[in-house]
């Protein structure tokens, strides 16, 4: 297998893992552990793994002037991102959550125009509008099945998560250009752990881990380790051979895998609203992602 094909396979595997995570995480929460407690476990264990990996990979030091950016990246990329996502996922369905996450590329484009003052061509503006319509339809009219408690509020929280992650991508860009990824990601997760600890520690203490069935323990371990630590390593491998824009496109596969996995297990179902919303969002993402002829245009 060529290095490029291996990178493509790694990026695809990341999308599969993320897609499966939407359903697996819902099997664990809120029945066995509340969302915020789950996040404390996920971020805490991942922080330890990233620090151990950093010791083995790099000795690069971070300049003091870059720590405020790292703290902001921890806030938007770990704390607010995960808190809103897991709480939202616990209230809505896997399919709706995964489709809403596809708005991230659109959100990044909008934030880049606002924060970095990058121009947006008419085609991309139309894509943003189309994706926004699809998102609003899904949030307001999408109905969940199974154990969804409050789909409206859950959908909104997942959308806030997507905005937060978009801010994180913009903040972390300069760090990626300046440092080895492990040199700063360990700090992002350490700061993120400190930020989420007050929200979830009580829920961690309340969880009865001894009463968890083996399959729930394995699913918890999957989300805590595989869906965070392993996916980041796979992204590093794929980005060595592929452009970041190419890797980012693979996020569009997540709703497909999430839908197939969730429906296959009978935990969710398709309806007209979900299909229409997905078509609008994917149509918007397609218009946004087309590379412009003018290299100076976002």
Protein backbone atom coordinates (compact mmCIF):
# COMPACT_ATOMS: atom_id res chain seq x y z
CA UNK A 1 0.00 0.00 0.00
CA UNK A 2 1.37 3.40 -0.98
CA UNK A 3 1.84 6.12 1.65
CA UNK A 4 -0.98 8.15 0.11
CA UNK A 5 -3.40 5.22 0.11
CA UNK A 6 -2.46 4.50 3.72
CA UNK A 7 -3.19 8.13 4.59
CA UNK A 8 -6.57 7.94 2.86
CA UNK A 9 -7.35 4.73 4.72
CA UNK A 10 -6.38 6.37 8.02
CA UNK A 11 -8.63 9.39 7.35
CA UNK A 12 -11.49 7.06 6.42
CA UNK A 13 -11.00 5.05 9.61
CA UNK A 14 -11.20 8.28 11.63
CA UNK A 15 -14.57 9.06 10.03
CA UNK A 16 -15.81 5.54 10.77
CA UNK A 17 -14.73 5.80 14.43
CA UNK A 18 -16.40 9.19 14.85
CA UNK A 19 -19.53 7.98 13.08
CA UNK A 20 -19.78 4.90 15.33
CA UNK A 21 -19.11 7.02 18.43
CA UNK A 22 -22.41 8.88 18.09
CA UNK A 23 -24.33 5.66 18.80
CA UNK A 24 -21.89 3.97 21.21
CA UNK A 25 -21.73 7.03 23.48
CA UNK A 26 -25.52 7.09 23.76
CA UNK A 27 -25.47 3.49 25.06
CA UNK A 28 -23.34 4.65 27.99
CA UNK A 29 -24.97 7.97 28.84
CA UNK A 30 -27.02 9.04 30.60
CA UNK A 31 -28.03 5.56 31.83
CA UNK A 32 -24.66 4.60 33.37
CA UNK A 33 -22.80 7.89 33.60
CA UNK A 34 -23.97 11.43 33.08
CA UNK A 35 -22.58 13.38 30.08
CA UNK A 36 -20.29 15.72 32.02
CA UNK A 37 -18.84 12.87 34.04
CA UNK A 38 -18.16 11.00 30.82
CA UNK A 39 -16.25 14.04 29.53
CA UNK A 40 -14.06 14.21 32.64
CA UNK A 41 -13.07 10.58 32.05
CA UNK A 42 -12.46 11.14 28.34
CA UNK A 43 -10.38 14.31 28.72
CA UNK A 44 -8.50 13.11 31.79
CA UNK A 45 -7.39 9.80 30.32
CA UNK A 46 -6.57 11.42 26.96
CA UNK A 47 -4.49 14.10 28.71
CA UNK A 48 -2.40 11.38 30.37
CA UNK A 49 -1.95 9.53 27.07
CA UNK A 50 -0.95 12.71 25.21
CA UNK A 51 1.61 13.64 27.88
CA UNK A 52 3.15 10.15 27.77
CA UNK A 53 3.24 10.24 23.96
CA UNK A 54 4.79 13.72 23.99
CA UNK A 55 7.61 12.49 26.22
CA UNK A 56 8.39 9.81 23.64
CA UNK A 57 8.01 11.99 20.54
CA UNK A 58 9.28 15.53 21.21
CA UNK A 59 11.12 17.73 23.71
CA UNK A 60 9.97 20.96 22.08
CA UNK A 61 9.10 23.79 24.47
CA UNK A 62 6.15 26.18 24.14
CA UNK A 63 6.79 29.94 24.27
CA UNK A 64 4.98 31.69 27.14
CA UNK A 65 3.37 34.10 24.67
CA UNK A 66 1.51 31.17 23.05
CA UNK A 67 -0.13 29.85 26.23
CA UNK A 68 -3.12 32.25 26.03
CA UNK A 69 -3.88 30.83 22.56
CA UNK A 70 -3.48 27.30 23.93
CA UNK A 71 -5.87 28.12 26.79
CA UNK A 72 -8.42 29.51 24.30
CA UNK A 73 -7.99 26.40 22.14
CA UNK A 74 -8.62 24.26 25.24
CA UNK A 75 -11.79 26.22 26.00
CA UNK A 76 -13.28 25.95 22.52
CA UNK A 77 -11.70 22.67 21.37
CA UNK A 78 -12.10 20.61 24.55
CA UNK A 79 -14.23 22.16 27.32
CA UNK A 80 -17.11 23.97 25.58
CA UNK A 81 -16.85 21.66 22.57
CA UNK A 82 -17.24 18.41 24.51
CA UNK A 83 -19.62 19.69 27.20
CA UNK A 84 -22.16 20.90 24.65
CA UNK A 85 -21.68 17.88 22.38
CA UNK A 86 -22.15 15.17 24.99
CA UNK A 87 -25.03 16.96 26.71
CA UNK A 88 -26.65 17.55 23.30
CA UNK A 89 -26.07 13.96 22.18
CA UNK A 90 -27.69 12.66 25.37
CA UNK A 91 -30.86 14.58 24.46
CA UNK A 92 -31.11 14.06 20.70
CA UNK A 93 -30.56 11.20 18.23
CA UNK A 94 -27.25 10.02 16.72
CA UNK A 95 -28.33 10.84 13.14
CA UNK A 96 -29.36 14.42 13.90
CA UNK A 97 -26.20 15.03 15.93
CA UNK A 98 -23.93 13.72 13.18
CA UNK A 99 -25.67 15.73 10.45
CA UNK A 100 -25.40 18.92 12.50
CA UNK A 101 -21.64 18.33 12.89
CA UNK A 102 -21.27 18.58 9.10
CA UNK A 103 -21.99 22.32 9.41
CA UNK A 104 -18.47 22.73 10.85
CA UNK A 105 -16.79 23.52 7.47
CA UNK A 106 -19.43 26.18 6.80
CA UNK A 107 -18.96 27.63 10.28
CA UNK A 108 -15.18 27.73 9.82
CA UNK A 109 -15.63 29.69 6.59
CA UNK A 110 -17.92 32.23 8.28
CA UNK A 111 -15.60 32.65 11.26
CA UNK A 112 -12.59 33.02 8.96
CA UNK A 113 -14.38 35.84 7.15
CA UNK A 114 -15.22 37.56 10.44
CA UNK A 115 -11.99 36.98 12.36
CA UNK A 116 -9.40 36.76 9.57
CA UNK A 117 -11.27 39.07 7.16
CA UNK A 118 -11.16 36.57 4.30
CA UNK A 119 -13.43 37.27 1.33
CA UNK A 120 -16.35 34.96 0.55
CA UNK A 121 -17.45 34.54 -3.06
CA UNK A 122 -21.15 34.45 -3.97
CA UNK A 123 -21.17 30.68 -4.52
CA UNK A 124 -19.88 30.09 -1.00
CA UNK A 125 -22.31 32.61 0.45
CA UNK A 126 -25.12 30.61 -1.19
CA UNK A 127 -23.66 27.44 0.32
CA UNK A 128 -23.61 29.00 3.78
CA UNK A 129 -27.25 30.05 3.43
CA UNK A 130 -28.28 26.61 2.16
CA UNK A 131 -26.48 24.84 4.99
CA UNK A 132 -27.96 27.23 7.54
CA UNK A 133 -31.49 26.51 6.27
CA UNK A 134 -30.87 22.79 6.58
CA UNK A 135 -29.52 23.21 10.11
CA UNK A 136 -32.47 25.35 11.24
CA UNK A 137 -34.95 22.82 9.77
CA UNK A 138 -33.23 19.98 11.60
CA UNK A 139 -33.08 21.85 14.90
CA UNK A 140 -36.69 23.04 14.82
CA UNK A 141 -38.52 20.17 13.16
CA UNK A 142 -36.31 17.08 13.43
CA UNK A 143 -37.76 14.50 15.78
CA UNK A 144 -35.76 11.80 17.45
CA UNK A 145 -36.63 8.21 18.33
CA UNK A 146 -35.62 5.94 21.16
CA UNK A 147 -34.48 7.58 24.40
CA UNK A 148 -34.13 11.16 23.13
CA UNK A 149 -35.34 13.39 25.96
CA UNK A 150 -35.32 16.86 24.44
CA UNK A 151 -34.36 16.85 20.76
CA UNK A 152 -34.81 20.62 20.28
CA UNK A 153 -32.40 21.60 23.05
CA UNK A 154 -30.08 18.72 22.19
CA UNK A 155 -29.85 19.81 18.55
CA UNK A 156 -29.08 23.38 19.61
CA UNK A 157 -26.27 22.23 21.92
CA UNK A 158 -24.71 20.11 19.15
CA UNK A 159 -24.83 23.16 16.88
CA UNK A 160 -23.07 25.24 19.58
CA UNK A 161 -20.48 22.46 19.70
CA UNK A 162 -19.90 22.82 15.97
CA UNK A 163 -19.40 26.60 16.32
CA UNK A 164 -16.99 26.04 19.21
CA UNK A 165 -14.99 23.52 17.19
CA UNK A 166 -14.84 25.96 14.28
CA UNK A 167 -13.28 28.58 16.57
CA UNK A 168 -10.83 25.94 17.80
CA UNK A 169 -9.67 25.14 14.25
CA UNK A 170 -8.90 28.81 13.62
CA UNK A 171 -7.08 29.22 16.94
CA UNK A 172 -4.99 26.08 16.56
CA UNK A 173 -3.85 26.81 12.99
CA UNK A 174 -0.87 28.98 14.04
CA UNK A 175 0.15 26.44 16.66
CA UNK A 176 0.20 23.68 14.05
CA UNK A 177 2.53 25.77 11.86
CA UNK A 178 4.91 26.55 14.74
CA UNK A 179 5.13 23.42 16.89
CA UNK A 180 5.13 19.66 16.81
CA UNK A 181 1.52 18.64 17.43
CA UNK A 182 2.30 16.66 20.60
CA UNK A 183 4.19 19.65 22.06
CA UNK A 184 1.01 21.71 22.41
CA UNK A 185 -1.86 19.21 22.33
CA UNK A 186 -0.77 17.87 25.73
CA UNK A 187 -1.25 21.37 27.16
CA UNK A 188 -4.59 21.79 25.41
CA UNK A 189 -5.90 18.61 27.05
CA UNK A 190 -4.39 19.46 30.44
CA UNK A 191 -6.06 22.89 30.43
CA UNK A 192 -9.23 21.31 29.05
CA UNK A 193 -9.28 18.77 31.88
CA UNK A 194 -8.98 21.55 34.47
CA UNK A 195 -11.88 23.38 32.77
CA UNK A 196 -14.27 20.39 32.63
CA UNK A 197 -13.43 18.97 36.06
CA UNK A 198 -15.79 21.31 38.02
CA UNK A 199 -18.68 20.36 35.72
CA UNK A 200 -18.28 16.61 35.77
CA UNK A 201 -16.52 15.46 38.93
CA UNK A 202 -19.74 15.05 40.88
CA UNK A 203 -21.14 12.91 38.06
CA UNK A 204 -17.97 10.77 38.02
CA UNK A 205 -18.37 10.15 41.76
CA UNK A 206 -22.05 9.32 41.29
CA UNK A 207 -21.36 6.70 38.61
CA UNK A 208 -21.43 3.10 39.85
CA UNK A 209 -18.65 1.60 37.76
CA UNK A 210 -18.85 -1.74 39.61
CA UNK A 211 -22.43 -2.17 38.37
CA UNK A 212 -21.58 -1.52 34.73
CA UNK A 213 -21.94 -4.57 32.43
CA UNK A 214 -18.80 -5.58 30.56
CA UNK A 215 -20.17 -4.30 27.23
CA UNK A 216 -20.77 -0.85 28.75
CA UNK A 217 -17.24 -0.77 30.19
CA UNK A 218 -15.83 -1.65 26.77
CA UNK A 219 -17.95 1.05 25.10
CA UNK A 220 -16.78 3.59 27.67
CA UNK A 221 -13.17 2.63 26.99
CA UNK A 222 -13.80 2.94 23.25
CA UNK A 223 -15.04 6.52 23.55
CA UNK A 224 -12.42 7.52 26.13
CA UNK A 225 -9.41 6.09 24.28
CA UNK A 226 -10.21 5.20 20.66
CA UNK A 227 -12.49 8.12 19.79
CA UNK A 228 -10.03 10.69 21.14
CA UNK A 229 -6.44 9.49 21.35
CA UNK A 230 -6.31 7.03 18.44
CA UNK A 231 -8.24 9.26 16.04
CA UNK A 232 -5.81 12.10 16.71
CA UNK A 233 -2.85 9.83 15.94
CA UNK A 234 -4.50 8.64 12.73
CA UNK A 235 -5.12 12.26 11.70
CA UNK A 236 -1.43 12.98 12.23
CA UNK A 237 -0.51 10.08 9.96
CA UNK A 238 -2.95 11.17 7.26
CA UNK A 239 -1.83 14.81 7.36
CA UNK A 240 1.75 13.77 6.60
CA UNK A 241 0.64 12.77 3.10
CA UNK A 242 -2.56 14.74 2.53
CA UNK A 243 -3.37 18.43 2.60
CA UNK A 244 -5.41 19.61 5.62
CA UNK A 245 -8.27 20.54 3.27
CA UNK A 246 -8.33 16.97 1.96
CA UNK A 247 -8.39 15.53 5.48
CA UNK A 248 -11.19 17.92 6.47
CA UNK A 249 -13.41 16.64 3.66
CA UNK A 250 -13.63 13.27 5.43
CA UNK A 251 -15.86 14.84 8.10
CA UNK A 252 -18.61 14.62 5.48
CA UNK A 253 -18.52 10.82 5.78
CA UNK A 254 -19.38 10.85 9.48
CA UNK A 255 -23.17 11.21 9.09
CA UNK A 256 -23.14 8.35 6.56
CA UNK A 257 -21.36 5.97 8.93
CA UNK A 258 -23.36 7.20 11.93
CA UNK A 259 -26.62 6.65 10.07
CA UNK A 260 -25.70 3.18 8.80
CA UNK A 261 -24.49 2.04 12.21
CA UNK A 262 -27.40 3.53 14.17
CA UNK A 263 -30.11 2.24 11.80
CA UNK A 264 -28.37 -1.14 11.58
CA UNK A 265 -28.73 -1.51 15.35
CA UNK A 266 -32.31 -0.23 15.30
CA UNK A 267 -31.44 2.74 17.51
CA UNK A 268 -32.59 5.44 15.10
CA UNK A 269 -34.64 5.84 11.94
CA UNK A 270 -34.78 8.02 8.86
CA UNK A 271 -37.63 10.39 8.11
CA UNK A 272 -38.36 13.09 5.55
CA UNK A 273 -37.09 15.94 7.77
CA UNK A 274 -33.72 14.25 8.36
CA UNK A 275 -33.27 13.43 4.69
CA UNK A 276 -34.24 16.94 3.54
CA UNK A 277 -32.04 18.60 6.16
CA UNK A 278 -29.11 16.38 5.24
CA UNK A 279 -29.50 17.19 1.53
CA UNK A 280 -29.59 20.94 2.27
CA UNK A 281 -26.55 20.74 4.54
CA UNK A 282 -24.54 18.58 2.15
CA UNK A 283 -25.52 20.86 -0.73
CA UNK A 284 -24.30 23.86 1.24
CA UNK A 285 -21.07 22.12 2.21
CA UNK A 286 -20.45 21.17 -1.44
CA UNK A 287 -20.80 24.78 -2.59
CA UNK A 288 -18.55 25.99 0.23
CA UNK A 289 -15.86 23.37 -0.33
CA UNK A 290 -15.36 23.96 -4.08
CA UNK A 291 -11.90 25.46 -4.54
CA UNK A 292 -12.17 29.03 -5.95
CA UNK A 293 -10.16 30.07 -8.97
CA UNK A 294 -8.91 33.15 -7.14
CA UNK A 295 -6.22 31.96 -4.72
CA UNK A 296 -6.79 34.98 -2.48
CA UNK A 297 -10.40 34.06 -1.85
CA UNK A 298 -11.26 31.87 1.14
